[in-house]
Amino acid sequence: MADKYVGKIIGVGTDNLEYVINIYQDETVERSPNGMVRHEGLKHFEMQFGGAVNKISETEYEIAATGMRVTVLDDQH
């Protein structure tokens, strides 16, 4: 199983600083008689320079290490 980069989210933390959250998706590749088949799995989120991020809602995320909440900027929707 490998991680595939699928995009990023830009948001503002409770400290009024901008944060970039990268989105990755698990991907499994299996052999079949018809060739290779890819299966997409769960998405997970990480800070731009490392560190886990938990999704609270569609517009709010929490940095696991600090507990800081990050709100997605409106211009992304």
PDB file of N, CA and C in Angstrom:
ATOM      1  N   MET A   1       0.850  -1.172   0.000  1.00  0.00           N
ATOM      2  CA  MET A   1       0.000   0.000   0.000  1.00  0.00           C
ATOM      3  C   MET A   1       0.897   1.236   0.000  1.00  0.00           C
ATOM      4  N   ALA A   2       0.505   2.214  -0.802  1.00  0.00           N
ATOM      5  CA  ALA A   2       1.284   3.446  -0.911  1.00  0.00           C
ATOM      6  C   ALA A   2       0.371   4.646  -0.727  1.00  0.00           C
ATOM      7  N   ASP A   3       0.989   5.769  -0.390  1.00  0.00           N
ATOM      8  CA  ASP A   3       0.235   7.015  -0.265  1.00  0.00           C
ATOM      9  C   ASP A   3       0.352   7.798  -1.558  1.00  0.00           C
ATOM     10  N   LYS A   4      -0.765   8.383  -1.967  1.00  0.00           N
ATOM     11  CA  LYS A   4      -0.794   9.195  -3.170  1.00  0.00           C
ATOM     12  C   LYS A   4      -1.215  10.611  -2.772  1.00  0.00           C
ATOM     13  N   TYR A   5      -0.449  11.617  -3.202  1.00  0.00           N
ATOM     14  CA  TYR A   5      -0.780  13.012  -2.923  1.00  0.00           C
ATOM     15  C   TYR A   5      -1.980  13.392  -3.781  1.00  0.00           C
ATOM     16  N   VAL A   6      -3.032  13.963  -3.161  1.00  0.00           N
ATOM     17  CA  VAL A   6      -4.224  14.326  -3.930  1.00  0.00           C
ATOM     18  C   VAL A   6      -4.585  15.802  -3.834  1.00  0.00           C
ATOM     19  N   GLY A   7      -3.845  16.589  -3.070  1.00  0.00           N
ATOM     20  CA  GLY A   7      -4.141  18.017  -3.010  1.00  0.00           C
ATOM     21  C   GLY A   7      -3.734  18.636  -1.693  1.00  0.00           C
ATOM     22  N   LYS A   8      -4.143  19.898  -1.544  1.00  0.00           N
ATOM     23  CA  LYS A   8      -3.824  20.595  -0.303  1.00  0.00           C
ATOM     24  C   LYS A   8      -4.980  21.504   0.097  1.00  0.00           C
ATOM     25  N   ILE A   9      -4.976  21.848   1.365  1.00  0.00           N
ATOM     26  CA  ILE A   9      -5.967  22.738   1.960  1.00  0.00           C
ATOM     27  C   ILE A   9      -5.197  23.862   2.625  1.00  0.00           C
ATOM     28  N   ILE A  10      -5.661  25.080   2.448  1.00  0.00           N
ATOM     29  CA  ILE A  10      -5.052  26.218   3.129  1.00  0.00           C
ATOM     30  C   ILE A  10      -6.064  26.746   4.127  1.00  0.00           C
ATOM     31  N   GLY A  11      -5.610  26.944   5.349  1.00  0.00           N
ATOM     32  CA  GLY A  11      -6.504  27.419   6.387  1.00  0.00           C
ATOM     33  C   GLY A  11      -5.800  28.357   7.340  1.00  0.00           C
ATOM     34  N   VAL A  12      -6.585  28.933   8.239  1.00  0.00           N
ATOM     35  CA  VAL A  12      -6.073  29.863   9.240  1.00  0.00           C
ATOM     36  C   VAL A  12      -6.265  29.237  10.613  1.00  0.00           C
ATOM     37  N   GLY A  13      -5.180  29.214  11.387  1.00  0.00           N
ATOM     38  CA  GLY A  13      -5.235  28.650  12.726  1.00  0.00           C
ATOM     39  C   GLY A  13      -5.784  29.646  13.730  1.00  0.00           C
ATOM     40  N   THR A  14      -5.999  29.177  14.955  1.00  0.00           N
ATOM     41  CA  THR A  14      -6.502  30.041  16.016  1.00  0.00           C
ATOM     42  C   THR A  14      -5.478  31.110  16.395  1.00  0.00           C
ATOM     43  N   ASP A  15      -4.227  30.952  15.916  1.00  0.00           N
ATOM     44  CA  ASP A  15      -3.186  31.956  16.147  1.00  0.00           C
ATOM     45  C   ASP A  15      -3.104  32.975  15.004  1.00  0.00           C
ATOM     46  N   ASN A  16      -4.084  32.940  14.089  1.00  0.00           N
ATOM     47  CA  ASN A  16      -4.195  33.840  12.929  1.00  0.00           C
ATOM     48  C   ASN A  16      -3.071  33.661  11.912  1.00  0.00           C
ATOM     49  N   LEU A  17      -2.366  32.542  11.938  1.00  0.00           N
ATOM     50  CA  LEU A  17      -1.359  32.231  10.933  1.00  0.00           C
ATOM     51  C   LEU A  17      -1.957  31.282   9.906  1.00  0.00           C
ATOM     52  N   GLU A  18      -1.426  31.330   8.684  1.00  0.00           N
ATOM     53  CA  GLU A  18      -1.900  30.467   7.614  1.00  0.00           C
ATOM     54  C   GLU A  18      -1.176  29.128   7.666  1.00  0.00           C
ATOM     55  N   TYR A  19      -1.909  28.054   7.469  1.00  0.00           N
ATOM     56  CA  TYR A  19      -1.349  26.705   7.492  1.00  0.00           C
ATOM     57  C   TYR A  19      -1.718  25.977   6.202  1.00  0.00           C
ATOM     58  N   VAL A  20      -0.782  25.143   5.720  1.00  0.00           N
ATOM     59  CA  VAL A  20      -1.025  24.307   4.550  1.00  0.00           C
ATOM     60  C   VAL A  20      -1.115  22.860   5.025  1.00  0.00           C
ATOM     61  N   ILE A  21      -2.226  22.218   4.682  1.00  0.00           N
ATOM     62  CA  ILE A  21      -2.452  20.825   5.046  1.00  0.00           C
ATOM     63  C   ILE A  21      -2.469  20.013   3.752  1.00  0.00           C
ATOM     64  N   ASN A  22      -1.578  19.044   3.640  1.00  0.00           N
ATOM     65  CA  ASN A  22      -1.538  18.181   2.466  1.00  0.00           C
ATOM     66  C   ASN A  22      -2.492  17.014   2.646  1.00  0.00           C
ATOM     67  N   ILE A  23      -3.131  16.615   1.550  1.00  0.00           N
ATOM     68  CA  ILE A  23      -4.071  15.495   1.571  1.00  0.00           C
ATOM     69  C   ILE A  23      -3.430  14.322   0.836  1.00  0.00           C
ATOM     70  N   TYR A  24      -3.413  13.170   1.482  1.00  0.00           N
ATOM     71  CA  TYR A  24      -2.887  11.941   0.887  1.00  0.00           C
ATOM     72  C   TYR A  24      -3.977  10.883   0.926  1.00  0.00           C
ATOM     73  N   GLN A  25      -3.931   9.971  -0.040  1.00  0.00           N
ATOM     74  CA  GLN A  25      -4.902   8.886  -0.071  1.00  0.00           C
ATOM     75  C   GLN A  25      -4.161   7.563  -0.198  1.00  0.00           C
ATOM     76  N   ASP A  26      -4.562   6.601   0.629  1.00  0.00           N
ATOM     77  CA  ASP A  26      -3.978   5.263   0.544  1.00  0.00           C
ATOM     78  C   ASP A  26      -4.374   4.657  -0.793  1.00  0.00           C
ATOM     79  N   GLU A  27      -3.452   3.921  -1.376  1.00  0.00           N
ATOM     80  CA  GLU A  27      -3.724   3.278  -2.658  1.00  0.00           C
ATOM     81  C   GLU A  27      -3.109   1.886  -2.650  1.00  0.00           C
ATOM     82  N   THR A  28      -3.909   0.898  -3.007  1.00  0.00           N
ATOM     83  CA  THR A  28      -3.446  -0.480  -3.093  1.00  0.00           C
ATOM     84  C   THR A  28      -3.487  -0.901  -4.554  1.00  0.00           C
ATOM     85  N   VAL A  29      -2.423  -1.562  -5.003  1.00  0.00           N
ATOM     86  CA  VAL A  29      -2.376  -2.062  -6.377  1.00  0.00           C
ATOM     87  C   VAL A  29      -2.325  -3.579  -6.322  1.00  0.00           C
ATOM     88  N   GLU A  30      -3.209  -4.222  -7.095  1.00  0.00           N
ATOM     89  CA  GLU A  30      -3.200  -5.680  -7.125  1.00  0.00           C
ATOM     90  C   GLU A  30      -3.139  -6.178  -8.566  1.00  0.00           C
ATOM     91  N   ARG A  31      -2.555  -7.335  -8.719  1.00  0.00           N
ATOM     92  CA  ARG A  31      -2.462  -7.963 -10.032  1.00  0.00           C
ATOM     93  C   ARG A  31      -3.745  -8.718 -10.319  1.00  0.00           C
ATOM     94  N   SER A  32      -4.223  -8.593 -11.544  1.00  0.00           N
ATOM     95  CA  SER A  32      -5.391  -9.359 -11.962  1.00  0.00           C
ATOM     96  C   SER A  32      -5.103  -9.910 -13.362  1.00  0.00           C
ATOM     97  N   PRO A  33      -5.926 -10.802 -13.862  1.00  0.00           N
ATOM     98  CA  PRO A  33      -5.708 -11.336 -15.212  1.00  0.00           C
ATOM     99  C   PRO A  33      -5.744 -10.234 -16.286  1.00  0.00           C
ATOM    100  N   ASN A  34      -6.400  -9.132 -15.991  1.00  0.00           N
ATOM    101  CA  ASN A  34      -6.518  -8.033 -16.946  1.00  0.00           C
ATOM    102  C   ASN A  34      -5.473  -6.946 -16.739  1.00  0.00           C
ATOM    103  N   GLY A  35      -4.515  -7.183 -15.875  1.00  0.00           N
ATOM    104  CA  GLY A  35      -3.480  -6.185 -15.597  1.00  0.00           C
ATOM    105  C   GLY A  35      -3.520  -5.736 -14.151  1.00  0.00           C
ATOM    106  N   MET A  36      -2.947  -4.550 -13.906  1.00  0.00           N
ATOM    107  CA  MET A  36      -2.897  -4.014 -12.552  1.00  0.00           C
ATOM    108  C   MET A  36      -4.188  -3.234 -12.250  1.00  0.00           C
ATOM    109  N   VAL A  37      -4.718  -3.444 -11.052  1.00  0.00           N
ATOM    110  CA  VAL A  37      -5.936  -2.751 -10.627  1.00  0.00           C
ATOM    111  C   VAL A  37      -5.606  -1.929  -9.396  1.00  0.00           C
ATOM    112  N   ARG A  38      -5.978  -0.646  -9.423  1.00  0.00           N
ATOM    113  CA  ARG A  38      -5.727   0.249  -8.291  1.00  0.00           C
ATOM    114  C   ARG A  38      -7.013   0.426  -7.484  1.00  0.00           C
ATOM    115  N   HIS A  39      -6.851   0.373  -6.173  1.00  0.00           N
ATOM    116  CA  HIS A  39      -7.971   0.589  -5.258  1.00  0.00           C
ATOM    117  C   HIS A  39      -7.623   1.768  -4.361  1.00  0.00           C
ATOM    118  N   GLU A  40      -8.472   2.784  -4.372  1.00  0.00           N
ATOM    119  CA  GLU A  40      -8.238   3.940  -3.508  1.00  0.00           C
ATOM    120  C   GLU A  40      -8.773   3.643  -2.124  1.00  0.00           C
ATOM    121  N   GLY A  41      -8.042   4.084  -1.126  1.00  0.00           N
ATOM    122  CA  GLY A  41      -8.424   3.849   0.255  1.00  0.00           C
ATOM    123  C   GLY A  41      -8.773   5.137   0.974  1.00  0.00           C
ATOM    124  N   LEU A  42      -8.495   5.161   2.261  1.00  0.00           N
ATOM    125  CA  LEU A  42      -8.829   6.294   3.104  1.00  0.00           C
ATOM    126  C   LEU A  42      -7.919   7.484   2.837  1.00  0.00           C
ATOM    127  N   LYS A  43      -8.468   8.675   3.014  1.00  0.00           N
ATOM    128  CA  LYS A  43      -7.658   9.896   2.934  1.00  0.00           C
ATOM    129  C   LYS A  43      -7.121  10.215   4.316  1.00  0.00           C
ATOM    130  N   HIS A  44      -5.916  10.771   4.362  1.00  0.00           N
ATOM    131  CA  HIS A  44      -5.390  11.271   5.626  1.00  0.00           C
ATOM    132  C   HIS A  44      -4.688  12.600   5.372  1.00  0.00           C
ATOM    133  N   PHE A  45      -4.480  13.331   6.428  1.00  0.00           N
ATOM    134  CA  PHE A  45      -4.037  14.715   6.324  1.00  0.00           C
ATOM    135  C   PHE A  45      -2.757  14.913   7.127  1.00  0.00           C
ATOM    136  N   GLU A  46      -1.835  15.718   6.576  1.00  0.00           N
ATOM    137  CA  GLU A  46      -0.577  16.019   7.254  1.00  0.00           C
ATOM    138  C   GLU A  46      -0.239  17.486   7.051  1.00  0.00           C
ATOM    139  N   MET A  47       0.477  18.032   8.026  1.00  0.00           N
ATOM    140  CA  MET A  47       0.976  19.397   7.888  1.00  0.00           C
ATOM    141  C   MET A  47       1.989  19.433   6.750  1.00  0.00           C
ATOM    142  N   GLN A  48       2.201  20.609   6.170  1.00  0.00           N
ATOM    143  CA  GLN A  48       3.103  20.748   5.042  1.00  0.00           C
ATOM    144  C   GLN A  48       4.504  20.222   5.353  1.00  0.00           C
ATOM    145  N   PHE A  49       4.996  20.453   6.562  1.00  0.00           N
ATOM    146  CA  PHE A  49       6.339  20.012   6.922  1.00  0.00           C
ATOM    147  C   PHE A  49       6.311  18.828   7.879  1.00  0.00           C
ATOM    148  N   GLY A  50       5.251  18.051   7.848  1.00  0.00           N
ATOM    149  CA  GLY A  50       5.140  16.851   8.676  1.00  0.00           C
ATOM    150  C   GLY A  50       4.235  17.057   9.871  1.00  0.00           C
ATOM    151  N   GLY A  51       3.681  15.997  10.359  1.00  0.00           N
ATOM    152  CA  GLY A  51       2.788  16.050  11.512  1.00  0.00           C
ATOM    153  C   GLY A  51       1.353  15.744  11.115  1.00  0.00           C
ATOM    154  N   ALA A  52       0.722  14.890  11.872  1.00  0.00           N
ATOM    155  CA  ALA A  52      -0.634  14.449  11.577  1.00  0.00           C
ATOM    156  C   ALA A  52      -1.659  15.550  11.827  1.00  0.00           C
ATOM    157  N   VAL A  53      -2.731  15.507  11.050  1.00  0.00           N
ATOM    158  CA  VAL A  53      -3.849  16.439  11.183  1.00  0.00           C
ATOM    159  C   VAL A  53      -5.133  15.614  11.198  1.00  0.00           C
ATOM    160  N   ASN A  54      -6.042  15.938  12.112  1.00  0.00           N
ATOM    161  CA  ASN A  54      -7.327  15.256  12.197  1.00  0.00           C
ATOM    162  C   ASN A  54      -8.413  16.128  11.598  1.00  0.00           C
ATOM    163  N   LYS A  55      -9.299  15.516  10.819  1.00  0.00           N
ATOM    164  CA  LYS A  55     -10.420  16.249  10.229  1.00  0.00           C
ATOM    165  C   LYS A  55     -11.556  16.288  11.243  1.00  0.00           C
ATOM    166  N   ILE A  56     -11.988  17.504  11.591  1.00  0.00           N
ATOM    167  CA  ILE A  56     -13.098  17.677  12.534  1.00  0.00           C
ATOM    168  C   ILE A  56     -14.405  17.786  11.754  1.00  0.00           C
ATOM    169  N   SER A  57     -14.406  18.600  10.703  1.00  0.00           N
ATOM    170  CA  SER A  57     -15.566  18.776   9.824  1.00  0.00           C
ATOM    171  C   SER A  57     -15.043  19.175   8.447  1.00  0.00           C
ATOM    172  N   GLU A  58     -15.930  19.491   7.538  1.00  0.00           N
ATOM    173  CA  GLU A  58     -15.530  19.895   6.186  1.00  0.00           C
ATOM    174  C   GLU A  58     -14.708  21.185   6.195  1.00  0.00           C
ATOM    175  N   THR A  59     -14.900  22.015   7.197  1.00  0.00           N
ATOM    176  CA  THR A  59     -14.210  23.306   7.221  1.00  0.00           C
ATOM    177  C   THR A  59     -13.242  23.462   8.384  1.00  0.00           C
ATOM    178  N   GLU A  60     -13.108  22.429   9.217  1.00  0.00           N
ATOM    179  CA  GLU A  60     -12.245  22.564  10.389  1.00  0.00           C
ATOM    180  C   GLU A  60     -11.379  21.315  10.587  1.00  0.00           C
ATOM    181  N   TYR A  61     -10.106  21.561  10.871  1.00  0.00           N
ATOM    182  CA  TYR A  61      -9.121  20.506  11.091  1.00  0.00           C
ATOM    183  C   TYR A  61      -8.386  20.797  12.391  1.00  0.00           C
ATOM    184  N   GLU A  62      -7.773  19.775  12.980  1.00  0.00           N
ATOM    185  CA  GLU A  62      -7.032  19.941  14.225  1.00  0.00           C
ATOM    186  C   GLU A  62      -5.631  19.352  14.058  1.00  0.00           C
ATOM    187  N   ILE A  63      -4.614  20.140  14.402  1.00  0.00           N
ATOM    188  CA  ILE A  63      -3.237  19.669  14.350  1.00  0.00           C
ATOM    189  C   ILE A  63      -3.036  18.748  15.557  1.00  0.00           C
ATOM    190  N   ALA A  64      -2.686  17.496  15.301  1.00  0.00           N
ATOM    191  CA  ALA A  64      -2.624  16.481  16.364  1.00  0.00           C
ATOM    192  C   ALA A  64      -1.615  16.835  17.460  1.00  0.00           C
ATOM    193  N   ALA A  65      -0.459  17.345  17.089  1.00  0.00           N
ATOM    194  CA  ALA A  65       0.600  17.597  18.070  1.00  0.00           C
ATOM    195  C   ALA A  65       0.267  18.733  19.038  1.00  0.00           C
ATOM    196  N   THR A  66      -0.456  19.742  18.561  1.00  0.00           N
ATOM    197  CA  THR A  66      -0.701  20.921  19.392  1.00  0.00           C
ATOM    198  C   THR A  66      -2.161  21.095  19.794  1.00  0.00           C
ATOM    199  N   GLY A  67      -3.082  20.428  19.089  1.00  0.00           N
ATOM    200  CA  GLY A  67      -4.506  20.602  19.371  1.00  0.00           C
ATOM    201  C   GLY A  67      -5.076  21.879  18.773  1.00  0.00           C
ATOM    202  N   MET A  68      -4.279  22.615  17.999  1.00  0.00           N
ATOM    203  CA  MET A  68      -4.749  23.866  17.397  1.00  0.00           C
ATOM    204  C   MET A  68      -5.752  23.573  16.282  1.00  0.00           C
ATOM    205  N   ARG A  69      -6.807  24.358  16.249  1.00  0.00           N
ATOM    206  CA  ARG A  69      -7.819  24.226  15.209  1.00  0.00           C
ATOM    207  C   ARG A  69      -7.454  25.115  14.034  1.00  0.00           C
ATOM    208  N   VAL A  70      -7.668  24.592  12.826  1.00  0.00           N
ATOM    209  CA  VAL A  70      -7.412  25.329  11.586  1.00  0.00           C
ATOM    210  C   VAL A  70      -8.717  25.360  10.802  1.00  0.00           C
ATOM    211  N   THR A  71      -9.148  26.561  10.411  1.00  0.00           N
ATOM    212  CA  THR A  71     -10.363  26.746   9.638  1.00  0.00           C
ATOM    213  C   THR A  71     -10.008  26.977   8.187  1.00  0.00           C
ATOM    214  N   VAL A  72     -10.652  26.252   7.275  1.00  0.00           N
ATOM    215  CA  VAL A  72     -10.382  26.353   5.848  1.00  0.00           C
ATOM    216  C   VAL A  72     -10.797  27.737   5.352  1.00  0.00           C
ATOM    217  N   LEU A  73      -9.943  28.326   4.501  1.00  0.00           N
ATOM    218  CA  LEU A  73     -10.280  29.622   3.907  1.00  0.00           C
ATOM    219  C   LEU A  73     -11.441  29.471   2.943  1.00  0.00           C
ATOM    220  N   ASP A  74     -12.320  30.480   2.895  1.00  0.00           N
ATOM    221  CA  ASP A  74     -13.557  30.428   2.101  1.00  0.00           C
ATOM    222  C   ASP A  74     -13.320  30.289   0.605  1.00  0.00           C
ATOM    223  N   ASP A  75     -12.219  30.818   0.066  1.00  0.00           N
ATOM    224  CA  ASP A  75     -12.035  30.833  -1.389  1.00  0.00           C
ATOM    225  C   ASP A  75     -11.735  29.457  -1.977  1.00  0.00           C
ATOM    226  N   GLN A  76     -11.718  28.408  -1.170  1.00  0.00           N
ATOM    227  CA  GLN A  76     -11.465  27.055  -1.677  1.00  0.00           C
ATOM    228  C   GLN A  76     -12.741  26.298  -1.979  1.00  0.00           C
ATOM    229  N   HIS A  77     -13.886  26.804  -1.584  1.00  0.00           N
ATOM    230  CA  HIS A  77     -15.141  26.057  -1.776  1.00  0.00           C
ATOM    231  C   HIS A  77     -15.855  26.539  -2.990  1.00  0.00           C
TER     232      HIS A  77
END
